[in-house]
Amino acid sequence: MICLETLKFDSMSIHHLQGHIESMYLVQYPHKLLLLDCGCRCDAGEIRSYIRHTLKRDVSQLKLCVVTHLHPDHAGGSQSLRAHTNTEIAAFKNIDRWYAGLGGFLQHKIDTYLAWWVSRKQGNQKRRVHYARLVNPDCSLDDEQTLPGFEDWTVLHTPGHTSHDICLYHRDSNVLYVGDLLVKIKEKYLPPFPVTLKVQMQNSYTRLEAIDPKILLLAHGGPMDPACFPNFYRILSDKIGKQQKMKFKMVGIVSYFSSELRKMKKRKLDYHK
């Protein structure tokens, strides 16, 4: 696994790693490690190898792996990492509702295929991306709580891409890991594909604007400074649902099978706060 860069702060270092189809962030402390998202299934072995051979640390120091949402490039490596390192998996409390039931089963198959399609578009070698559709987290997270064992990181519930997306905020360094809350494609910053809850996504961007982080860590695009782009979050909010390319419209069309999402739509839970 290639380390693209290392961000150094007073209490920690963040290793920006190139995963199969996404950026991964391994947070290094003197005697423990934290992984922000678990990547694809095929990334799990690469993470363990990086810890052993590059950091010269025992994999038992990987104490916690956070899953920001259930898509294959964020949750895919979680089961393997838990099995081979004894790490704990943390995720938002309702994460396993997303792929529950028949609709969730179908959505999981579609999302796995979409991950394979993205990998092909990126020109990557064929690797295994199929993964378990339930995370069964060891630590169920709620909004504004701190990560167990890593109390310098705060959980922010930021739905929009899914119902259960979270961001992770390190207040002391003013660094925010946003997962898939926004993506960088061909030098442009855009909302993710799909946005299943448009109003809640707008609320999430408003929340980020209020926090005003110095550095954003993107799962698709790497670290960036939002201050370099005036009205950054408002421009992102204006772009929600406006992707015109047919391939992005198709992603949206096939992203509404989740039983959890349909229940939320039926109960009109995509609302302004």
C-alpha atoms as a PDB file:
ATOM      1  CA  MET A   1       0.000   0.000   0.000  1.00  0.00           C
ATOM      2  CA  ILE A   2       1.363   3.410  -1.007  1.00  0.00           C
ATOM      3  CA  CYS A   3       1.476   6.290   1.471  1.00  0.00           C
ATOM      4  CA  LEU A   4       0.724   9.443  -0.526  1.00  0.00           C
ATOM      5  CA  GLU A   5       1.615  11.817   2.303  1.00  0.00           C
ATOM      6  CA  THR A   6       1.821  12.071   6.080  1.00  0.00           C
ATOM      7  CA  LEU A   7       0.184  14.957   7.933  1.00  0.00           C
ATOM      8  CA  LYS A   8       1.913  15.693  11.243  1.00  0.00           C
ATOM      9  CA  PHE A   9       0.207  17.291  14.234  1.00  0.00           C
ATOM     10  CA  ASP A  10       1.147  17.775  17.885  1.00  0.00           C
ATOM     11  CA  SER A  11      -0.472  14.599  19.191  1.00  0.00           C
ATOM     12  CA  MET A  12      -0.665  12.395  16.104  1.00  0.00           C
ATOM     13  CA  SER A  13       0.309  11.728  12.506  1.00  0.00           C
ATOM     14  CA  ILE A  14      -2.206  10.930   9.763  1.00  0.00           C
ATOM     15  CA  HIS A  15      -0.997   8.655   6.982  1.00  0.00           C
ATOM     16  CA  HIS A  16      -2.858   9.252   3.715  1.00  0.00           C
ATOM     17  CA  LEU A  17      -2.898   5.854   2.000  1.00  0.00           C
ATOM     18  CA  GLN A  18      -3.994   4.875  -1.501  1.00  0.00           C
ATOM     19  CA  GLY A  19      -6.656   2.195  -1.246  1.00  0.00           C
ATOM     20  CA  HIS A  20      -8.135   0.171  -4.087  1.00  0.00           C
ATOM     21  CA  ILE A  21     -10.614   2.862  -5.161  1.00  0.00           C
ATOM     22  CA  GLU A  22     -10.427   5.343  -2.275  1.00  0.00           C
ATOM     23  CA  SER A  23      -8.119   7.273   0.021  1.00  0.00           C
ATOM     24  CA  MET A  24      -7.638   5.812   3.487  1.00  0.00           C
ATOM     25  CA  TYR A  25      -6.397   7.534   6.623  1.00  0.00           C
ATOM     26  CA  LEU A  26      -4.437   5.738   9.335  1.00  0.00           C
ATOM     27  CA  VAL A  27      -3.972   7.843  12.465  1.00  0.00           C
ATOM     28  CA  GLN A  28      -0.780   7.093  14.384  1.00  0.00           C
ATOM     29  CA  TYR A  29      -0.310   7.761  18.089  1.00  0.00           C
ATOM     30  CA  PRO A  30       2.699   6.717  20.207  1.00  0.00           C
ATOM     31  CA  HIS A  31       1.112   3.448  21.354  1.00  0.00           C
ATOM     32  CA  LYS A  32      -2.063   2.958  19.306  1.00  0.00           C
ATOM     33  CA  LEU A  33      -3.542   3.319  15.821  1.00  0.00           C
ATOM     34  CA  LEU A  34      -6.935   4.457  14.515  1.00  0.00           C
ATOM     35  CA  LEU A  35      -8.272   3.729  11.024  1.00  0.00           C
ATOM     36  CA  LEU A  36     -10.766   6.153   9.472  1.00  0.00           C
ATOM     37  CA  ASP A  37     -12.831   3.814   7.255  1.00  0.00           C
ATOM     38  CA  CYS A  38     -11.873   0.268   6.334  1.00  0.00           C
ATOM     39  CA  GLY A  39     -11.646   0.496   2.546  1.00  0.00           C
ATOM     40  CA  CYS A  40     -12.529  -2.370   0.235  1.00  0.00           C
ATOM     41  CA  ARG A  41     -12.240  -5.993   1.229  1.00  0.00           C
ATOM     42  CA  CYS A  42      -8.972  -6.263  -0.710  1.00  0.00           C
ATOM     43  CA  ASP A  43      -7.479  -3.322   1.246  1.00  0.00           C
ATOM     44  CA  ALA A  44      -7.506  -5.106   4.609  1.00  0.00           C
ATOM     45  CA  GLY A  45      -4.362  -7.147   3.991  1.00  0.00           C
ATOM     46  CA  GLU A  46      -2.572  -4.091   2.607  1.00  0.00           C
ATOM     47  CA  ILE A  47      -3.360  -2.125   5.768  1.00  0.00           C
ATOM     48  CA  ARG A  48      -1.966  -4.895   7.969  1.00  0.00           C
ATOM     49  CA  SER A  49       1.166  -5.070   5.834  1.00  0.00           C
ATOM     50  CA  TYR A  50       1.648  -1.292   6.045  1.00  0.00           C
ATOM     51  CA  ILE A  51       1.399  -1.389   9.837  1.00  0.00           C
ATOM     52  CA  ARG A  52       3.891  -4.254  10.125  1.00  0.00           C
ATOM     53  CA  HIS A  53       6.458  -3.353   7.494  1.00  0.00           C
ATOM     54  CA  THR A  54       6.301   0.433   7.108  1.00  0.00           C
ATOM     55  CA  LEU A  55       5.358   1.591  10.591  1.00  0.00           C
ATOM     56  CA  LYS A  56       7.161  -1.346  12.251  1.00  0.00           C
ATOM     57  CA  ARG A  57       4.236  -1.741  14.636  1.00  0.00           C
ATOM     58  CA  ASP A  58       2.315  -4.797  15.731  1.00  0.00           C
ATOM     59  CA  VAL A  59      -1.165  -5.019  14.207  1.00  0.00           C
ATOM     60  CA  SER A  60      -2.559  -5.386  17.732  1.00  0.00           C
ATOM     61  CA  GLN A  61      -1.960  -1.630  18.098  1.00  0.00           C
ATOM     62  CA  LEU A  62      -4.819  -1.033  15.654  1.00  0.00           C
ATOM     63  CA  LYS A  63      -7.376  -0.434  18.382  1.00  0.00           C
ATOM     64  CA  LEU A  64     -10.336   0.968  16.438  1.00  0.00           C
ATOM     65  CA  CYS A  65     -11.586   1.034  12.847  1.00  0.00           C
ATOM     66  CA  VAL A  66     -14.437   3.412  12.056  1.00  0.00           C
ATOM     67  CA  VAL A  67     -16.938   2.759   9.265  1.00  0.00           C
ATOM     68  CA  THR A  68     -18.510   6.038   8.137  1.00  0.00           C
ATOM     69  CA  HIS A  69     -21.127   4.297   5.990  1.00  0.00           C
ATOM     70  CA  LEU A  70     -21.898   0.874   4.598  1.00  0.00           C
ATOM     71  CA  HIS A  71     -20.693   1.147   0.993  1.00  0.00           C
ATOM     72  CA  PRO A  72     -18.064  -1.366  -0.231  1.00  0.00           C
ATOM     73  CA  ASP A  73     -15.119   1.050  -0.286  1.00  0.00           C
ATOM     74  CA  HIS A  74     -15.699   2.074   3.334  1.00  0.00           C
ATOM     75  CA  ALA A  75     -17.006  -1.038   5.100  1.00  0.00           C
ATOM     76  CA  GLY A  76     -15.588  -3.766   2.866  1.00  0.00           C
ATOM     77  CA  GLY A  77     -12.418  -4.403   4.865  1.00  0.00           C
ATOM     78  CA  SER A  78     -14.027  -4.273   8.309  1.00  0.00           C
ATOM     79  CA  GLN A  79     -14.669  -7.980   8.845  1.00  0.00           C
ATOM     80  CA  SER A  80     -11.181  -9.036   7.754  1.00  0.00           C
ATOM     81  CA  LEU A  81      -9.517  -6.373   9.900  1.00  0.00           C
ATOM     82  CA  ARG A  82     -11.514  -7.436  12.938  1.00  0.00           C
ATOM     83  CA  ALA A  83     -10.724 -11.107  12.347  1.00  0.00           C
ATOM     84  CA  HIS A  84      -6.972 -10.645  11.844  1.00  0.00           C
ATOM     85  CA  THR A  85      -6.110  -7.820  14.250  1.00  0.00           C
ATOM     86  CA  ASN A  86      -8.723  -8.081  17.040  1.00  0.00           C
ATOM     87  CA  THR A  87      -9.549  -4.425  16.444  1.00  0.00           C
ATOM     88  CA  GLU A  88     -13.000  -3.117  17.291  1.00  0.00           C
ATOM     89  CA  ILE A  89     -15.322  -1.755  14.606  1.00  0.00           C
ATOM     90  CA  ALA A  90     -17.247   1.452  15.291  1.00  0.00           C
ATOM     91  CA  ALA A  91     -20.154   2.757  13.210  1.00  0.00           C
ATOM     92  CA  PHE A  92     -23.331   4.808  13.536  1.00  0.00           C
ATOM     93  CA  LYS A  93     -26.007   3.104  15.592  1.00  0.00           C
ATOM     94  CA  ASN A  94     -28.462   2.388  12.755  1.00  0.00           C
ATOM     95  CA  ILE A  95     -25.929   1.371  10.081  1.00  0.00           C
ATOM     96  CA  ASP A  96     -27.133  -2.213   9.654  1.00  0.00           C
ATOM     97  CA  ARG A  97     -30.667  -1.127   8.782  1.00  0.00           C
ATOM     98  CA  TRP A  98     -29.435   0.107   5.386  1.00  0.00           C
ATOM     99  CA  TYR A  99     -29.008  -3.310   3.778  1.00  0.00           C
ATOM    100  CA  ALA A 100     -31.597  -5.144   5.888  1.00  0.00           C
ATOM    101  CA  GLY A 101     -34.421  -7.091   4.263  1.00  0.00           C
ATOM    102  CA  LEU A 102     -34.990  -7.979   0.623  1.00  0.00           C
ATOM    103  CA  GLY A 103     -34.608  -4.399  -0.606  1.00  0.00           C
ATOM    104  CA  GLY A 104     -31.364  -4.046   1.315  1.00  0.00           C
ATOM    105  CA  PHE A 105     -30.095  -7.344  -0.088  1.00  0.00           C
ATOM    106  CA  LEU A 106     -30.701  -6.071  -3.619  1.00  0.00           C
ATOM    107  CA  GLN A 107     -29.153  -2.663  -2.861  1.00  0.00           C
ATOM    108  CA  HIS A 108     -26.049  -4.361  -1.455  1.00  0.00           C
ATOM    109  CA  LYS A 109     -25.606  -6.336  -4.691  1.00  0.00           C
ATOM    110  CA  ILE A 110     -26.031  -3.180  -6.784  1.00  0.00           C
ATOM    111  CA  ASP A 111     -23.569  -1.174  -4.672  1.00  0.00           C
ATOM    112  CA  THR A 112     -21.003  -3.971  -4.862  1.00  0.00           C
ATOM    113  CA  TYR A 113     -21.318  -3.989  -8.647  1.00  0.00           C
ATOM    114  CA  LEU A 114     -20.954  -0.181  -8.717  1.00  0.00           C
ATOM    115  CA  ALA A 115     -17.703  -0.472  -6.726  1.00  0.00           C
ATOM    116  CA  TRP A 116     -16.413  -2.984  -9.273  1.00  0.00           C
ATOM    117  CA  TRP A 117     -17.471  -0.609 -12.090  1.00  0.00           C
ATOM    118  CA  VAL A 118     -15.624   2.330 -10.476  1.00  0.00           C
ATOM    119  CA  SER A 119     -12.530   0.161 -10.135  1.00  0.00           C
ATOM    120  CA  ARG A 120     -12.705  -0.710 -13.830  1.00  0.00           C
ATOM    121  CA  LYS A 121     -13.110   2.970 -14.771  1.00  0.00           C
ATOM    122  CA  GLN A 122     -10.006   3.799 -12.723  1.00  0.00           C
ATOM    123  CA  GLY A 123      -8.021   1.129 -14.563  1.00  0.00           C
ATOM    124  CA  ASN A 124      -7.306  -0.901 -11.436  1.00  0.00           C
ATOM    125  CA  GLN A 125      -6.440  -4.570 -11.384  1.00  0.00           C
ATOM    126  CA  LYS A 126      -9.337  -6.898 -10.698  1.00  0.00           C
ATOM    127  CA  ARG A 127      -9.610  -7.414  -6.933  1.00  0.00           C
ATOM    128  CA  ARG A 128     -12.258  -8.788  -4.603  1.00  0.00           C
ATOM    129  CA  VAL A 129     -14.748  -6.162  -3.477  1.00  0.00           C
ATOM    130  CA  HIS A 130     -17.678  -8.366  -2.395  1.00  0.00           C
ATOM    131  CA  TYR A 131     -18.242  -8.129   1.355  1.00  0.00           C
ATOM    132  CA  ALA A 132     -20.705  -8.853   4.149  1.00  0.00           C
ATOM    133  CA  ARG A 133     -23.736  -6.572   4.064  1.00  0.00           C
ATOM    134  CA  LEU A 134     -23.908  -6.218   7.862  1.00  0.00           C
ATOM    135  CA  VAL A 135     -21.127  -4.653   9.930  1.00  0.00           C
ATOM    136  CA  ASN A 136     -22.333  -5.724  13.393  1.00  0.00           C
ATOM    137  CA  PRO A 137     -20.268  -2.949  15.015  1.00  0.00           C
ATOM    138  CA  ASP A 138     -18.610  -3.506  18.366  1.00  0.00           C
ATOM    139  CA  CYS A 139     -19.180   0.171  19.177  1.00  0.00           C
ATOM    140  CA  SER A 140     -22.450   1.848  18.189  1.00  0.00           C
ATOM    141  CA  LEU A 141     -21.904   5.565  17.757  1.00  0.00           C
ATOM    142  CA  ASP A 142     -24.257   8.498  18.191  1.00  0.00           C
ATOM    143  CA  ASP A 143     -24.075  12.120  17.145  1.00  0.00           C
ATOM    144  CA  GLU A 144     -21.544  14.262  19.046  1.00  0.00           C
ATOM    145  CA  GLN A 145     -20.095  11.442  21.106  1.00  0.00           C
ATOM    146  CA  THR A 146     -16.347  10.826  21.168  1.00  0.00           C
ATOM    147  CA  LEU A 147     -14.668   7.740  19.752  1.00  0.00           C
ATOM    148  CA  PRO A 148     -13.999   5.097  22.421  1.00  0.00           C
ATOM    149  CA  GLY A 149     -10.295   5.087  23.200  1.00  0.00           C
ATOM    150  CA  PHE A 150      -9.776   8.147  20.992  1.00  0.00           C
ATOM    151  CA  GLU A 151     -11.635  10.858  22.850  1.00  0.00           C
ATOM    152  CA  ASP A 152      -9.935  13.606  20.834  1.00  0.00           C
ATOM    153  CA  TRP A 153     -12.183  12.642  17.875  1.00  0.00           C
ATOM    154  CA  THR A 154     -15.882  13.590  17.814  1.00  0.00           C
ATOM    155  CA  VAL A 155     -18.605  11.876  15.781  1.00  0.00           C
ATOM    156  CA  LEU A 156     -20.876  14.051  13.624  1.00  0.00           C
ATOM    157  CA  HIS A 157     -23.974  12.481  12.091  1.00  0.00           C
ATOM    158  CA  THR A 158     -24.142  13.868   8.533  1.00  0.00           C
ATOM    159  CA  PRO A 159     -26.846  12.039   6.553  1.00  0.00           C
ATOM    160  CA  GLY A 160     -27.518  12.675   2.891  1.00  0.00           C
ATOM    161  CA  HIS A 161     -25.438  10.158   0.969  1.00  0.00           C
ATOM    162  CA  THR A 162     -27.038   7.517   3.202  1.00  0.00           C
ATOM    163  CA  SER A 163     -29.096   7.710   6.387  1.00  0.00           C
ATOM    164  CA  HIS A 164     -26.153   6.763   8.590  1.00  0.00           C
ATOM    165  CA  ASP A 165     -23.147   8.725   7.268  1.00  0.00           C
ATOM    166  CA  ILE A 166     -20.830  10.188   9.868  1.00  0.00           C
ATOM    167  CA  CYS A 167     -17.867  12.561   9.806  1.00  0.00           C
ATOM    168  CA  LEU A 168     -15.047  12.542  12.356  1.00  0.00           C
ATOM    169  CA  TYR A 169     -13.786  15.819  13.801  1.00  0.00           C
ATOM    170  CA  HIS A 170     -10.454  16.367  15.561  1.00  0.00           C
ATOM    171  CA  ARG A 171     -11.062  19.630  17.362  1.00  0.00           C
ATOM    172  CA  ASP A 172      -7.488  20.254  18.567  1.00  0.00           C
ATOM    173  CA  SER A 173      -6.136  20.138  15.000  1.00  0.00           C
ATOM    174  CA  ASN A 174      -9.346  21.426  13.348  1.00  0.00           C
ATOM    175  CA  VAL A 175      -9.270  18.452  10.979  1.00  0.00           C
ATOM    176  CA  LEU A 176     -12.447  16.828   9.667  1.00  0.00           C
ATOM    177  CA  TYR A 177     -12.666  13.464   7.931  1.00  0.00           C
ATOM    178  CA  VAL A 178     -15.741  13.706   5.711  1.00  0.00           C
ATOM    179  CA  GLY A 179     -15.914  10.205   4.214  1.00  0.00           C
ATOM    180  CA  ASP A 180     -18.150  10.537   1.150  1.00  0.00           C
ATOM    181  CA  LEU A 181     -19.876  13.771   2.135  1.00  0.00           C
ATOM    182  CA  LEU A 182     -18.134  15.317  -0.855  1.00  0.00           C
ATOM    183  CA  VAL A 183     -15.854  14.007  -3.597  1.00  0.00           C
ATOM    184  CA  LYS A 184     -13.243  15.378  -5.973  1.00  0.00           C
ATOM    185  CA  ILE A 185     -13.639  14.426  -9.633  1.00  0.00           C
ATOM    186  CA  LYS A 186     -11.401  15.904 -12.329  1.00  0.00           C
ATOM    187  CA  GLU A 187     -10.337  18.799 -10.080  1.00  0.00           C
ATOM    188  CA  LYS A 188     -13.946  19.636  -9.170  1.00  0.00           C
ATOM    189  CA  TYR A 189     -15.506  19.247  -5.719  1.00  0.00           C
ATOM    190  CA  LEU A 190     -18.988  17.770  -5.904  1.00  0.00           C
ATOM    191  CA  PRO A 191     -21.651  16.140  -3.741  1.00  0.00           C
ATOM    192  CA  PRO A 192     -21.382  12.339  -3.728  1.00  0.00           C
ATOM    193  CA  PHE A 193     -23.254   9.981  -6.021  1.00  0.00           C
ATOM    194  CA  PRO A 194     -25.990   9.395  -5.090  1.00  0.00           C
ATOM    195  CA  VAL A 195     -27.533  11.878  -2.681  1.00  0.00           C
ATOM    196  CA  THR A 196     -30.454   9.853  -1.352  1.00  0.00           C
ATOM    197  CA  LEU A 197     -31.657  12.441   1.190  1.00  0.00           C
ATOM    198  CA  LYS A 198     -31.275  15.850  -0.424  1.00  0.00           C
ATOM    199  CA  VAL A 199     -32.578  18.075   2.353  1.00  0.00           C
ATOM    200  CA  GLN A 200     -30.547  16.271   4.993  1.00  0.00           C
ATOM    201  CA  MET A 201     -27.465  16.636   2.786  1.00  0.00           C
ATOM    202  CA  GLN A 202     -28.050  20.398   2.723  1.00  0.00           C
ATOM    203  CA  ASN A 203     -28.329  20.329   6.520  1.00  0.00           C
ATOM    204  CA  SER A 204     -25.042  18.422   6.713  1.00  0.00           C
ATOM    205  CA  TYR A 205     -23.237  21.002   4.569  1.00  0.00           C
ATOM    206  CA  THR A 206     -24.639  23.788   6.753  1.00  0.00           C
ATOM    207  CA  ARG A 207     -23.258  21.989   9.783  1.00  0.00           C
ATOM    208  CA  LEU A 208     -19.799  21.723   8.229  1.00  0.00           C
ATOM    209  CA  GLU A 209     -19.837  25.409   7.372  1.00  0.00           C
ATOM    210  CA  ALA A 210     -20.542  26.242  11.030  1.00  0.00           C
ATOM    211  CA  ILE A 211     -17.613  24.089  12.193  1.00  0.00           C
ATOM    212  CA  ASP A 212     -15.276  25.684   9.636  1.00  0.00           C
ATOM    213  CA  PRO A 213     -12.501  23.052   9.664  1.00  0.00           C
ATOM    214  CA  LYS A 214      -9.012  23.970   8.500  1.00  0.00           C
ATOM    215  CA  ILE A 215      -8.415  20.671   6.702  1.00  0.00           C
ATOM    216  CA  LEU A 216     -10.924  18.295   5.129  1.00  0.00           C
ATOM    217  CA  LEU A 217      -9.887  14.692   4.568  1.00  0.00           C
ATOM    218  CA  LEU A 218     -11.796  13.258   1.586  1.00  0.00           C
ATOM    219  CA  ALA A 219     -12.158   9.569   0.854  1.00  0.00           C
ATOM    220  CA  HIS A 220     -12.201  10.491  -2.830  1.00  0.00           C
ATOM    221  CA  GLY A 221      -9.841  13.392  -3.368  1.00  0.00           C
ATOM    222  CA  GLY A 222      -7.416  13.484  -0.438  1.00  0.00           C
ATOM    223  CA  PRO A 223      -6.811  16.382   1.979  1.00  0.00           C
ATOM    224  CA  MET A 224      -7.930  19.890   1.028  1.00  0.00           C
ATOM    225  CA  ASP A 225      -8.302  23.371   2.526  1.00  0.00           C
ATOM    226  CA  PRO A 226     -11.886  24.638   2.096  1.00  0.00           C
ATOM    227  CA  ALA A 227     -10.735  28.220   2.786  1.00  0.00           C
ATOM    228  CA  CYS A 228      -9.205  28.233  -0.708  1.00  0.00           C
ATOM    229  CA  PHE A 229     -12.724  28.173  -2.169  1.00  0.00           C
ATOM    230  CA  PRO A 230     -15.049  31.070  -1.216  1.00  0.00           C
ATOM    231  CA  ASN A 231     -18.593  29.975  -0.233  1.00  0.00           C
ATOM    232  CA  PHE A 232     -17.422  26.374  -0.570  1.00  0.00           C
ATOM    233  CA  TYR A 233     -20.274  24.653   1.294  1.00  0.00           C
ATOM    234  CA  ARG A 234     -23.022  26.799  -0.219  1.00  0.00           C
ATOM    235  CA  ILE A 235     -21.764  26.031  -3.715  1.00  0.00           C
ATOM    236  CA  LEU A 236     -21.740  22.323  -2.858  1.00  0.00           C
ATOM    237  CA  SER A 237     -25.288  22.589  -1.542  1.00  0.00           C
ATOM    238  CA  ASP A 238     -26.427  24.248  -4.772  1.00  0.00           C
ATOM    239  CA  LYS A 239     -25.000  21.317  -6.758  1.00  0.00           C
ATOM    240  CA  ILE A 240     -27.047  18.659  -4.960  1.00  0.00           C
ATOM    241  CA  GLY A 241     -29.041  16.639  -7.466  1.00  0.00           C
ATOM    242  CA  LYS A 242     -27.769  18.602 -10.475  1.00  0.00           C
ATOM    243  CA  GLN A 243     -25.316  16.100 -11.980  1.00  0.00           C
ATOM    244  CA  GLN A 244     -26.273  15.905 -15.642  1.00  0.00           C
ATOM    245  CA  LYS A 245     -24.208  13.007 -16.978  1.00  0.00           C
ATOM    246  CA  MET A 246     -26.312   9.944 -17.710  1.00  0.00           C
ATOM    247  CA  LYS A 247     -24.012   7.588 -15.773  1.00  0.00           C
ATOM    248  CA  PHE A 248     -24.566   9.615 -12.596  1.00  0.00           C
ATOM    249  CA  LYS A 249     -28.320   9.718 -13.166  1.00  0.00           C
ATOM    250  CA  MET A 250     -28.288   5.924 -13.521  1.00  0.00           C
ATOM    251  CA  VAL A 251     -26.479   5.588 -10.185  1.00  0.00           C
ATOM    252  CA  GLY A 252     -29.279   7.601  -8.613  1.00  0.00           C
ATOM    253  CA  ILE A 253     -31.995   5.498 -10.226  1.00  0.00           C
ATOM    254  CA  VAL A 254     -30.598   2.228  -8.826  1.00  0.00           C
ATOM    255  CA  SER A 255     -29.916   3.571  -5.320  1.00  0.00           C
ATOM    256  CA  TYR A 256     -33.383   3.555  -3.766  1.00  0.00           C
ATOM    257  CA  PHE A 257     -33.938  -0.129  -2.956  1.00  0.00           C
ATOM    258  CA  SER A 258     -32.844   0.161   0.682  1.00  0.00           C
ATOM    259  CA  SER A 259     -35.802  -0.636   2.931  1.00  0.00           C
ATOM    260  CA  GLU A 260     -34.504   1.879   5.477  1.00  0.00           C
ATOM    261  CA  LEU A 261     -34.437   4.633   2.869  1.00  0.00           C
ATOM    262  CA  ARG A 262     -37.935   3.849   1.609  1.00  0.00           C
ATOM    263  CA  LYS A 263     -39.251   3.911   5.180  1.00  0.00           C
ATOM    264  CA  MET A 264     -37.676   7.324   5.724  1.00  0.00           C
ATOM    265  CA  LYS A 265     -39.195   8.645   2.503  1.00  0.00           C
ATOM    266  CA  LYS A 266     -42.602   7.279   3.457  1.00  0.00           C
ATOM    267  CA  ARG A 267     -42.408   8.923   6.881  1.00  0.00           C
ATOM    268  CA  LYS A 268     -41.133  12.140   5.251  1.00  0.00           C
ATOM    269  CA  LEU A 269     -37.936  12.150   7.298  1.00  0.00           C
ATOM    270  CA  ASP A 270     -35.983  14.069   4.645  1.00  0.00           C
ATOM    271  CA  TYR A 271     -36.744  17.379   6.270  1.00  0.00           C
ATOM    272  CA  HIS A 272     -35.423  20.843   7.113  1.00  0.00           C
ATOM    273  CA  LYS A 273     -34.213  21.186  10.682  1.00  0.00           C
END
